[in-house]
N, C-alpha and C. Protein backbone atom coordinates (compact mmCIF):
# COMPACT_ATOMS: atom_id res chain seq x y z
N UNK A 1 -5.12 48.09 -40.87
CA UNK A 1 -4.81 47.10 -39.84
C UNK A 1 -6.04 46.85 -38.97
N UNK A 2 -6.74 47.90 -38.61
CA UNK A 2 -7.92 47.75 -37.74
C UNK A 2 -9.00 46.90 -38.41
N UNK A 3 -9.15 47.07 -39.74
CA UNK A 3 -10.14 46.27 -40.46
C UNK A 3 -9.83 44.78 -40.36
N UNK A 4 -8.56 44.42 -40.51
CA UNK A 4 -8.17 43.01 -40.39
C UNK A 4 -8.38 42.51 -38.98
N UNK A 5 -8.04 43.35 -38.01
CA UNK A 5 -8.22 42.94 -36.61
C UNK A 5 -9.71 42.73 -36.34
N UNK A 6 -10.54 43.63 -36.85
CA UNK A 6 -11.97 43.48 -36.67
C UNK A 6 -12.49 42.21 -37.31
N UNK A 7 -11.99 41.90 -38.50
CA UNK A 7 -12.40 40.68 -39.19
C UNK A 7 -11.97 39.45 -38.40
N UNK A 8 -10.76 39.47 -37.88
CA UNK A 8 -10.27 38.34 -37.08
C UNK A 8 -11.16 38.11 -35.87
N UNK A 9 -11.53 39.17 -35.20
CA UNK A 9 -12.40 39.04 -34.03
C UNK A 9 -13.76 38.46 -34.42
N UNK A 10 -14.31 38.92 -35.53
CA UNK A 10 -15.60 38.40 -35.98
C UNK A 10 -15.49 36.92 -36.35
N UNK A 11 -14.42 36.55 -37.02
CA UNK A 11 -14.21 35.14 -37.37
C UNK A 11 -14.10 34.30 -36.10
N UNK A 12 -13.34 34.77 -35.13
CA UNK A 12 -13.20 34.03 -33.87
C UNK A 12 -14.54 33.90 -33.16
N UNK A 13 -15.36 34.94 -33.19
CA UNK A 13 -16.69 34.87 -32.58
C UNK A 13 -17.53 33.77 -33.22
N UNK A 14 -17.42 33.63 -34.54
CA UNK A 14 -18.18 32.58 -35.23
C UNK A 14 -17.61 31.21 -34.87
N UNK A 15 -16.28 31.08 -34.89
CA UNK A 15 -15.65 29.79 -34.59
C UNK A 15 -15.90 29.36 -33.14
N UNK A 16 -15.86 30.29 -32.22
CA UNK A 16 -15.94 29.97 -30.81
C UNK A 16 -17.32 30.20 -30.20
N UNK A 17 -18.22 30.80 -30.96
CA UNK A 17 -19.53 31.16 -30.42
C UNK A 17 -20.40 30.00 -30.04
N UNK A 18 -20.29 28.91 -30.76
CA UNK A 18 -21.07 27.72 -30.46
C UNK A 18 -22.56 27.94 -30.63
N UNK A 19 -23.33 27.11 -29.97
CA UNK A 19 -24.78 27.11 -30.13
C UNK A 19 -25.45 28.25 -29.36
N UNK A 20 -24.71 28.95 -28.53
CA UNK A 20 -25.28 30.06 -27.77
C UNK A 20 -24.68 31.40 -28.17
N UNK A 21 -23.90 31.41 -29.23
CA UNK A 21 -23.27 32.64 -29.67
C UNK A 21 -24.21 33.46 -30.55
N UNK A 22 -23.64 34.35 -31.34
CA UNK A 22 -24.45 35.17 -32.24
C UNK A 22 -25.05 34.28 -33.33
N UNK A 23 -25.88 34.86 -34.16
CA UNK A 23 -26.60 34.09 -35.18
C UNK A 23 -25.63 33.36 -36.10
N UNK A 24 -24.59 34.04 -36.56
CA UNK A 24 -23.62 33.41 -37.46
C UNK A 24 -22.94 32.22 -36.78
N UNK A 25 -22.60 32.36 -35.50
CA UNK A 25 -21.95 31.27 -34.76
C UNK A 25 -22.89 30.09 -34.61
N UNK A 26 -24.16 30.36 -34.31
CA UNK A 26 -25.14 29.27 -34.18
C UNK A 26 -25.33 28.54 -35.51
N UNK A 27 -25.43 29.29 -36.60
CA UNK A 27 -25.59 28.67 -37.92
C UNK A 27 -24.37 27.83 -38.23
N UNK A 28 -23.19 28.36 -37.98
CA UNK A 28 -21.95 27.64 -38.24
C UNK A 28 -21.88 26.36 -37.41
N UNK A 29 -22.22 26.45 -36.14
CA UNK A 29 -22.19 25.27 -35.26
C UNK A 29 -23.17 24.20 -35.73
N UNK A 30 -24.38 24.62 -36.07
CA UNK A 30 -25.37 23.65 -36.55
C UNK A 30 -24.93 23.03 -37.87
N UNK A 31 -24.32 23.84 -38.74
CA UNK A 31 -23.82 23.31 -40.00
C UNK A 31 -22.75 22.24 -39.74
N UNK A 32 -21.85 22.51 -38.79
CA UNK A 32 -20.82 21.52 -38.46
C UNK A 32 -21.45 20.24 -37.91
N UNK A 33 -22.44 20.38 -37.06
CA UNK A 33 -23.10 19.20 -36.50
C UNK A 33 -23.73 18.37 -37.60
N UNK A 34 -24.43 19.02 -38.51
CA UNK A 34 -25.08 18.30 -39.62
C UNK A 34 -24.04 17.62 -40.49
N UNK A 35 -22.96 18.33 -40.81
CA UNK A 35 -21.92 17.74 -41.65
C UNK A 35 -21.25 16.55 -40.98
N UNK A 36 -20.99 16.66 -39.69
CA UNK A 36 -20.38 15.54 -38.97
C UNK A 36 -21.32 14.34 -38.97
N UNK A 37 -22.59 14.56 -38.67
CA UNK A 37 -23.54 13.46 -38.64
C UNK A 37 -23.74 12.85 -40.03
N UNK A 38 -23.77 13.67 -41.07
CA UNK A 38 -23.87 13.14 -42.43
C UNK A 38 -22.66 12.28 -42.76
N UNK A 39 -21.49 12.79 -42.44
CA UNK A 39 -20.27 12.06 -42.72
C UNK A 39 -20.24 10.71 -42.01
N UNK A 40 -20.63 10.70 -40.76
CA UNK A 40 -20.66 9.45 -39.99
C UNK A 40 -21.70 8.50 -40.57
N UNK A 41 -22.86 9.03 -40.92
CA UNK A 41 -23.91 8.20 -41.51
C UNK A 41 -23.44 7.56 -42.81
N UNK A 42 -22.82 8.36 -43.68
CA UNK A 42 -22.32 7.82 -44.95
C UNK A 42 -21.29 6.74 -44.70
N UNK A 43 -20.44 6.95 -43.72
CA UNK A 43 -19.42 5.96 -43.39
C UNK A 43 -20.08 4.65 -42.95
N UNK A 44 -21.12 4.75 -42.13
CA UNK A 44 -21.78 3.56 -41.59
C UNK A 44 -22.55 2.78 -42.66
N UNK A 45 -23.11 3.49 -43.64
CA UNK A 45 -23.92 2.80 -44.65
C UNK A 45 -23.15 2.53 -45.94
N UNK A 46 -21.88 2.90 -45.99
CA UNK A 46 -21.07 2.76 -47.19
C UNK A 46 -21.07 1.31 -47.72
N UNK A 47 -20.95 0.34 -46.86
CA UNK A 47 -20.84 -1.05 -47.28
C UNK A 47 -22.18 -1.73 -47.50
N UNK A 48 -23.27 -1.05 -47.26
CA UNK A 48 -24.59 -1.64 -47.50
C UNK A 48 -24.86 -1.57 -49.01
N UNK A 49 -25.12 -2.71 -49.59
CA UNK A 49 -25.22 -2.83 -51.04
C UNK A 49 -26.24 -1.89 -51.68
N UNK A 50 -27.36 -1.69 -51.04
CA UNK A 50 -28.39 -0.88 -51.68
C UNK A 50 -28.02 0.61 -51.76
N UNK A 51 -26.99 1.02 -51.02
CA UNK A 51 -26.54 2.41 -51.09
C UNK A 51 -25.37 2.61 -52.06
N UNK A 52 -24.95 1.53 -52.70
CA UNK A 52 -23.83 1.60 -53.63
C UNK A 52 -24.02 2.64 -54.75
N UNK A 53 -25.23 2.78 -55.30
CA UNK A 53 -25.41 3.79 -56.36
C UNK A 53 -25.18 5.24 -55.87
N UNK A 54 -25.15 5.44 -54.57
CA UNK A 54 -25.00 6.79 -54.02
C UNK A 54 -23.56 7.10 -53.59
N UNK A 55 -22.64 6.18 -53.83
CA UNK A 55 -21.26 6.37 -53.38
C UNK A 55 -20.65 7.65 -53.93
N UNK A 56 -20.91 7.97 -55.18
CA UNK A 56 -20.34 9.18 -55.76
C UNK A 56 -20.86 10.42 -55.02
N UNK A 57 -22.14 10.43 -54.70
CA UNK A 57 -22.74 11.54 -53.95
C UNK A 57 -22.12 11.62 -52.56
N UNK A 58 -21.95 10.46 -51.91
CA UNK A 58 -21.33 10.43 -50.58
C UNK A 58 -19.92 11.04 -50.64
N UNK A 59 -19.18 10.67 -51.68
CA UNK A 59 -17.81 11.16 -51.81
C UNK A 59 -17.77 12.67 -52.03
N UNK A 60 -18.70 13.19 -52.81
CA UNK A 60 -18.77 14.64 -53.04
C UNK A 60 -19.07 15.36 -51.73
N UNK A 61 -20.04 14.86 -50.99
CA UNK A 61 -20.40 15.49 -49.72
C UNK A 61 -19.25 15.39 -48.72
N UNK A 62 -18.57 14.25 -48.72
CA UNK A 62 -17.41 14.09 -47.82
C UNK A 62 -16.30 15.07 -48.18
N UNK A 63 -16.07 15.28 -49.46
CA UNK A 63 -15.05 16.23 -49.90
C UNK A 63 -15.41 17.65 -49.45
N UNK A 64 -16.66 18.02 -49.60
CA UNK A 64 -17.11 19.34 -49.16
C UNK A 64 -16.96 19.46 -47.64
N UNK A 65 -17.34 18.41 -46.93
CA UNK A 65 -17.23 18.40 -45.47
C UNK A 65 -15.78 18.58 -45.02
N UNK A 66 -14.89 17.81 -45.60
CA UNK A 66 -13.47 17.91 -45.24
C UNK A 66 -12.95 19.30 -45.60
N UNK A 67 -13.40 19.85 -46.71
CA UNK A 67 -12.99 21.21 -47.08
C UNK A 67 -13.41 22.23 -46.04
N UNK A 68 -14.64 22.10 -45.54
CA UNK A 68 -15.13 23.04 -44.51
C UNK A 68 -14.35 22.86 -43.21
N UNK A 69 -14.09 21.60 -42.82
CA UNK A 69 -13.31 21.36 -41.60
C UNK A 69 -11.88 21.88 -41.75
N UNK A 70 -11.32 21.75 -42.95
CA UNK A 70 -9.97 22.27 -43.20
C UNK A 70 -9.97 23.79 -43.10
N UNK A 71 -10.98 24.42 -43.67
CA UNK A 71 -11.09 25.88 -43.56
C UNK A 71 -11.24 26.30 -42.11
N UNK A 72 -12.01 25.54 -41.34
CA UNK A 72 -12.17 25.84 -39.91
C UNK A 72 -10.82 25.77 -39.20
N UNK A 73 -10.01 24.77 -39.52
CA UNK A 73 -8.67 24.66 -38.92
C UNK A 73 -7.79 25.85 -39.31
N UNK A 74 -7.82 26.22 -40.57
CA UNK A 74 -7.00 27.33 -41.04
C UNK A 74 -7.43 28.63 -40.35
N UNK A 75 -8.73 28.85 -40.26
CA UNK A 75 -9.22 30.06 -39.60
C UNK A 75 -8.91 30.04 -38.11
N UNK A 76 -8.96 28.86 -37.50
CA UNK A 76 -8.58 28.74 -36.09
C UNK A 76 -7.12 29.09 -35.87
N UNK A 77 -6.27 28.64 -36.78
CA UNK A 77 -4.85 28.98 -36.70
C UNK A 77 -4.66 30.48 -36.88
N UNK A 78 -5.37 31.06 -37.84
CA UNK A 78 -5.27 32.50 -38.12
C UNK A 78 -5.69 33.35 -36.92
N UNK A 79 -6.69 32.89 -36.18
CA UNK A 79 -7.21 33.65 -35.04
C UNK A 79 -6.58 33.25 -33.70
N UNK A 80 -5.61 32.35 -33.74
CA UNK A 80 -5.01 31.85 -32.49
C UNK A 80 -4.40 32.95 -31.64
N UNK A 81 -3.86 33.98 -32.28
CA UNK A 81 -3.24 35.05 -31.50
C UNK A 81 -4.26 35.82 -30.67
N UNK A 82 -5.52 35.79 -31.07
CA UNK A 82 -6.58 36.42 -30.28
C UNK A 82 -7.09 35.43 -29.24
N UNK A 83 -7.34 34.22 -29.67
CA UNK A 83 -7.88 33.18 -28.78
C UNK A 83 -6.95 32.91 -27.60
N UNK A 84 -5.66 32.87 -27.87
CA UNK A 84 -4.67 32.59 -26.83
C UNK A 84 -3.83 33.83 -26.54
N UNK A 85 -4.51 34.95 -26.45
CA UNK A 85 -3.84 36.23 -26.19
C UNK A 85 -3.04 36.14 -24.89
N UNK A 86 -1.82 36.62 -24.96
CA UNK A 86 -0.95 36.58 -23.78
C UNK A 86 -0.06 35.35 -23.76
N UNK A 87 -0.39 34.35 -24.54
CA UNK A 87 0.46 33.16 -24.62
C UNK A 87 1.67 33.51 -25.48
N UNK A 88 2.87 33.09 -25.07
CA UNK A 88 4.07 33.46 -25.84
C UNK A 88 4.08 32.91 -27.27
N UNK A 89 3.41 31.80 -27.50
CA UNK A 89 3.36 31.19 -28.83
C UNK A 89 1.93 30.74 -29.11
N UNK A 90 1.03 31.67 -29.43
CA UNK A 90 -0.39 31.33 -29.57
C UNK A 90 -0.68 30.33 -30.69
N UNK A 91 0.06 30.42 -31.79
CA UNK A 91 -0.21 29.50 -32.90
C UNK A 91 0.24 28.08 -32.54
N UNK A 92 1.35 27.99 -31.84
CA UNK A 92 1.81 26.68 -31.35
C UNK A 92 0.80 26.13 -30.35
N UNK A 93 0.31 26.98 -29.48
CA UNK A 93 -0.69 26.58 -28.48
C UNK A 93 -1.94 26.03 -29.18
N UNK A 94 -2.35 26.68 -30.24
CA UNK A 94 -3.51 26.21 -31.02
C UNK A 94 -3.22 24.82 -31.59
N UNK A 95 -2.03 24.64 -32.13
CA UNK A 95 -1.70 23.36 -32.78
C UNK A 95 -1.59 22.20 -31.79
N UNK A 96 -1.30 22.47 -30.52
CA UNK A 96 -1.21 21.37 -29.56
C UNK A 96 -2.50 21.20 -28.76
N UNK A 97 -3.49 22.02 -29.05
CA UNK A 97 -4.78 21.93 -28.38
C UNK A 97 -5.43 20.56 -28.69
N UNK A 98 -6.00 19.94 -27.68
CA UNK A 98 -6.59 18.61 -27.83
C UNK A 98 -7.62 18.57 -28.95
N UNK A 99 -8.57 19.52 -28.96
CA UNK A 99 -9.63 19.50 -29.96
C UNK A 99 -9.11 19.81 -31.36
N UNK A 100 -8.07 20.62 -31.46
CA UNK A 100 -7.44 20.86 -32.76
C UNK A 100 -6.87 19.56 -33.30
N UNK A 101 -6.23 18.81 -32.44
CA UNK A 101 -5.66 17.53 -32.87
C UNK A 101 -6.74 16.52 -33.25
N UNK A 102 -7.87 16.55 -32.57
CA UNK A 102 -9.00 15.69 -32.95
C UNK A 102 -9.46 16.05 -34.36
N UNK A 103 -9.58 17.35 -34.63
CA UNK A 103 -10.00 17.79 -35.95
C UNK A 103 -9.00 17.34 -37.02
N UNK A 104 -7.72 17.52 -36.74
CA UNK A 104 -6.69 17.11 -37.70
C UNK A 104 -6.76 15.62 -37.95
N UNK A 105 -6.87 14.83 -36.89
CA UNK A 105 -6.94 13.38 -37.05
C UNK A 105 -8.21 12.94 -37.76
N UNK A 106 -9.29 13.70 -37.61
CA UNK A 106 -10.54 13.35 -38.26
C UNK A 106 -10.49 13.57 -39.78
N UNK A 107 -9.73 14.56 -40.23
CA UNK A 107 -9.67 14.82 -41.67
C UNK A 107 -8.42 14.23 -42.33
N UNK A 108 -7.45 13.86 -41.53
CA UNK A 108 -6.19 13.33 -42.06
C UNK A 108 -6.39 12.13 -43.00
N UNK A 109 -7.24 11.16 -42.67
CA UNK A 109 -7.40 10.02 -43.57
C UNK A 109 -7.88 10.42 -44.97
N UNK A 110 -8.68 11.45 -45.06
CA UNK A 110 -9.13 11.92 -46.37
C UNK A 110 -7.93 12.33 -47.21
N UNK A 111 -7.04 13.13 -46.62
CA UNK A 111 -5.88 13.61 -47.36
C UNK A 111 -4.88 12.48 -47.62
N UNK A 112 -4.72 11.58 -46.66
CA UNK A 112 -3.84 10.43 -46.87
C UNK A 112 -4.40 9.54 -47.97
N UNK A 113 -5.71 9.41 -48.01
CA UNK A 113 -6.35 8.60 -49.05
C UNK A 113 -6.14 9.16 -50.44
N UNK A 114 -5.94 10.45 -50.55
CA UNK A 114 -5.65 11.05 -51.86
C UNK A 114 -4.27 10.62 -52.36
N UNK A 115 -3.38 10.35 -51.41
CA UNK A 115 -2.02 9.97 -51.76
C UNK A 115 -1.93 8.48 -52.07
N UNK A 116 -2.41 7.65 -51.18
CA UNK A 116 -2.30 6.19 -51.32
C UNK A 116 -3.54 5.57 -50.68
N UNK A 117 -4.58 5.40 -51.42
CA UNK A 117 -5.88 5.01 -50.90
C UNK A 117 -5.87 3.68 -50.13
N UNK A 118 -5.32 2.65 -50.67
CA UNK A 118 -5.41 1.32 -50.07
C UNK A 118 -4.73 1.21 -48.71
N UNK A 119 -3.64 1.90 -48.51
CA UNK A 119 -2.90 1.79 -47.25
C UNK A 119 -3.62 2.41 -46.07
N UNK A 120 -4.53 3.33 -46.33
CA UNK A 120 -5.09 4.11 -45.24
C UNK A 120 -6.56 3.83 -44.96
N UNK A 121 -7.11 2.78 -45.54
CA UNK A 121 -8.52 2.49 -45.32
C UNK A 121 -8.79 2.16 -43.85
N UNK A 122 -7.99 1.29 -43.25
CA UNK A 122 -8.19 0.95 -41.84
C UNK A 122 -7.98 2.17 -40.95
N UNK A 123 -7.00 2.97 -41.27
CA UNK A 123 -6.74 4.20 -40.52
C UNK A 123 -7.94 5.14 -40.64
N UNK A 124 -8.50 5.24 -41.83
CA UNK A 124 -9.66 6.11 -42.05
C UNK A 124 -10.85 5.63 -41.21
N UNK A 125 -11.04 4.33 -41.13
CA UNK A 125 -12.14 3.79 -40.34
C UNK A 125 -11.97 4.14 -38.86
N UNK A 126 -10.76 4.04 -38.37
CA UNK A 126 -10.51 4.38 -36.97
C UNK A 126 -10.75 5.88 -36.72
N UNK A 127 -10.22 6.71 -37.60
CA UNK A 127 -10.32 8.15 -37.40
C UNK A 127 -11.73 8.67 -37.64
N UNK A 128 -12.55 7.91 -38.34
CA UNK A 128 -13.94 8.34 -38.53
C UNK A 128 -14.63 8.53 -37.18
N UNK A 129 -14.26 7.69 -36.22
CA UNK A 129 -14.79 7.81 -34.87
C UNK A 129 -14.47 9.17 -34.26
N UNK A 130 -13.34 9.73 -34.63
CA UNK A 130 -12.93 11.00 -34.05
C UNK A 130 -13.84 12.16 -34.46
N UNK A 131 -14.60 11.99 -35.52
CA UNK A 131 -15.56 13.03 -35.89
C UNK A 131 -16.61 13.20 -34.81
N UNK A 132 -16.92 12.11 -34.13
CA UNK A 132 -17.85 12.22 -33.00
C UNK A 132 -17.28 13.14 -31.93
N UNK A 133 -15.98 13.05 -31.72
CA UNK A 133 -15.35 13.91 -30.72
C UNK A 133 -15.39 15.38 -31.13
N UNK A 134 -15.47 15.62 -32.42
CA UNK A 134 -15.59 17.01 -32.90
C UNK A 134 -16.89 17.62 -32.38
N UNK A 135 -17.91 16.80 -32.22
CA UNK A 135 -19.17 17.28 -31.65
C UNK A 135 -18.96 17.80 -30.23
N UNK A 136 -18.03 17.18 -29.50
CA UNK A 136 -17.73 17.65 -28.15
C UNK A 136 -17.20 19.07 -28.17
N UNK A 137 -16.41 19.41 -29.19
CA UNK A 137 -15.88 20.76 -29.29
C UNK A 137 -17.02 21.76 -29.41
N UNK A 138 -18.00 21.44 -30.23
CA UNK A 138 -19.13 22.35 -30.41
C UNK A 138 -19.88 22.52 -29.09
N UNK A 139 -20.05 21.43 -28.35
CA UNK A 139 -20.69 21.53 -27.05
C UNK A 139 -19.87 22.35 -26.07
N UNK A 140 -18.57 22.18 -26.11
CA UNK A 140 -17.67 22.94 -25.23
C UNK A 140 -17.75 24.43 -25.56
N UNK A 141 -17.78 24.77 -26.83
CA UNK A 141 -17.88 26.17 -27.25
C UNK A 141 -19.19 26.76 -26.74
N UNK A 142 -20.27 26.01 -26.87
CA UNK A 142 -21.57 26.48 -26.38
C UNK A 142 -21.55 26.72 -24.88
N UNK A 143 -20.88 25.84 -24.14
CA UNK A 143 -20.78 25.99 -22.69
C UNK A 143 -20.02 27.26 -22.33
N UNK A 144 -18.90 27.51 -23.03
CA UNK A 144 -18.13 28.72 -22.77
C UNK A 144 -18.94 29.97 -23.08
N UNK A 145 -19.69 29.94 -24.18
CA UNK A 145 -20.50 31.10 -24.56
C UNK A 145 -21.59 31.33 -23.51
N UNK A 146 -22.16 30.25 -23.00
CA UNK A 146 -23.21 30.36 -21.99
C UNK A 146 -22.62 30.98 -20.71
N UNK A 147 -21.45 30.51 -20.29
CA UNK A 147 -20.80 31.05 -19.09
C UNK A 147 -20.45 32.52 -19.26
N UNK A 148 -19.95 32.86 -20.47
CA UNK A 148 -19.58 34.26 -20.73
C UNK A 148 -20.81 35.15 -20.68
N UNK A 149 -21.95 34.66 -21.17
CA UNK A 149 -23.19 35.41 -21.12
C UNK A 149 -23.66 35.64 -19.69
N UNK A 150 -23.50 34.64 -18.84
CA UNK A 150 -23.89 34.78 -17.43
C UNK A 150 -22.98 35.77 -16.71
N UNK A 151 -21.68 35.74 -17.04
CA UNK A 151 -20.73 36.67 -16.41
C UNK A 151 -21.08 38.12 -16.77
N UNK A 152 -21.52 38.35 -18.00
CA UNK A 152 -21.88 39.70 -18.42
C UNK A 152 -23.13 40.19 -17.68
N UNK A 153 -24.03 39.26 -17.35
CA UNK A 153 -25.24 39.62 -16.65
C UNK A 153 -24.96 40.00 -15.20
N UNK A 154 -23.95 39.36 -14.62
CA UNK A 154 -23.64 39.60 -13.19
C UNK A 154 -22.92 40.86 -12.98
């Protein structure tokens, strides 16, 4: 049991560490930033004719990106009992968190597109904007890590 608890704490440190956390947290945060920016860039240049030969590559990278964001959501749910310690329903609290909902809405069009592609194109375009808001989460995590570091110094 202690091994699992230790693993959960380490995973939460990476998820919540942001740009000022430990090395793994910083790498993870930078990876998320790069993936978000790549995804947005591909979305913006998708309709430009000269990039048409790269659509398959864009789709592969988008699939990998959505997979990583989905894993991040799953791990966030798994670690919610630590993140929201003392809350009577920590997993529910995680699911109603504003940034969690931004993440869900940002990847939802990908999964909806797997079911019925044509119906969700406009929805996907709208939700693509929400990936920018995911960057705010990374900044917020970095701010919390910075404050926690200052509190430890005092």
